[in-house]
Amino acid sequence: MKALILAAGQGTRLRPVTLTMPKSLVPVANRWLINYALDALKKAGLTDIGIVVNSLDSPVVTNLKGGRALGVKIEYIVQDEQLGLAHATALCREFVGGEPFTVFLGDNIFQDKMTDLLTSFADSDKEATVVLGAVSDPTRFGIAEIDNGRILRVVEKPADPPSNMAIAGVYLFRASIFDAIQRIRPSGRNELEITDAIQVLINDGLPVASYKLNGWWIDAGKPNAIIMANQLVLEELPYTPAPEQSEQIEGESEVSHRVLIGRDSRIINSVIRGPVIIGNNTVIRNSYVGPYTSIGDNVTVEGSEVEASIVMKNCEIRNIMGRIDRSLLADNARVTSATHMPDAHRFVLAENSYVQF
């Protein structure tokens, strides 16, 4: 069985961050979003993976390469124009061949690793299985109508939802899906919708099953969702005791349990309250870093407070009055203070941004 990860989207809802990096490479708990899909696939023994990108010059290709360092084999399929999930899936027909396969969206994170589902589908009698998650506002999602686990109908963003079970961005298919895609037409937004192709299978009388997710899931397509995903992943960090007599912790510092400190990083006269993850070669001086914060490599935080935020690599935060909260700072961002400012700040900054107050 093969696997596909769709990672060609422009990430417009995450701009300006995604003006300079693909959405699938935005870090959550100091790991790329796409790593979480790769983890689930590897756990299920699926290591032959096709990744759909918008160009072979994509940073996804540059960073993941052939997948050897990750323990998988990656082949890249180019989707020049983003014409929908069904279009992206159809481009992978040659890669998939006649095998059953799974499709993951590259920007979703799941607490449930779905291992049993992924390992059992090939030998099942199902033509397709769609992963579903309960949502509070089903009018914003593709929604499934279900009877005894079998999907009767899928509807995109219905005004009158038949259920609260949303399509969560993981699908399992057989080769019949490619023929179904050939029989659909572009939607009102000029895209080939995977929900329309699934409905073709249903209309043909083929068994299309549902799988209900256990635990949380995040469609990490907007800044608030990325911040929430970071919090949920950090919540699951295993317990680690507060470090004692560490050479990385200097002066009058207080570092709690569930704090991971990277190689050659230093905590100087600062308070760190976990869960927190700190990358390599980072310096935190005379500062407070609060729970649910991820700080990348080569970052300097000095004279500032940061909580429930993502600070990517090569950033600089100095002398900020008040607390930076629920913020997303992309690579190379600089946030410094020249004068007094209000006690609360919120930033969504693109690469190489510079902010001074």
Foldseek 3Di string as FASTA:
>chain_A
DAEEEEFADQLPQQPPASVPAGQQQADFLQGGLQVQVVVLCVVLVHQHYEYEHQDCPHVVCVVCPQVVVVVHGYDYFHDVDCQEPLVSVLSCCVVCPQAKYKYAYSQKHAPFSCNVVVNCPRVDQAQKEFEWEFDPQQLQAWAFQDDPQWTQAIDGSDPDGNHRIHRQGMMIHGSVLNVLQVPDAGDPVRHSYSRSSVVSCNVVVGTYGYHYGDDDMFRCSHLLRSLVSSQVVLVPQDWDAFDDPDPQEEDCEAEGICEAAEACEHEECEYEEEVEYAYYCEYEYCEYEYYSEYHYYCEYHECAAEYSEYHYPQEYEYNAAAYEYSEYHHANEYEYEDDHDDRYDYDSYYHNHYHYD
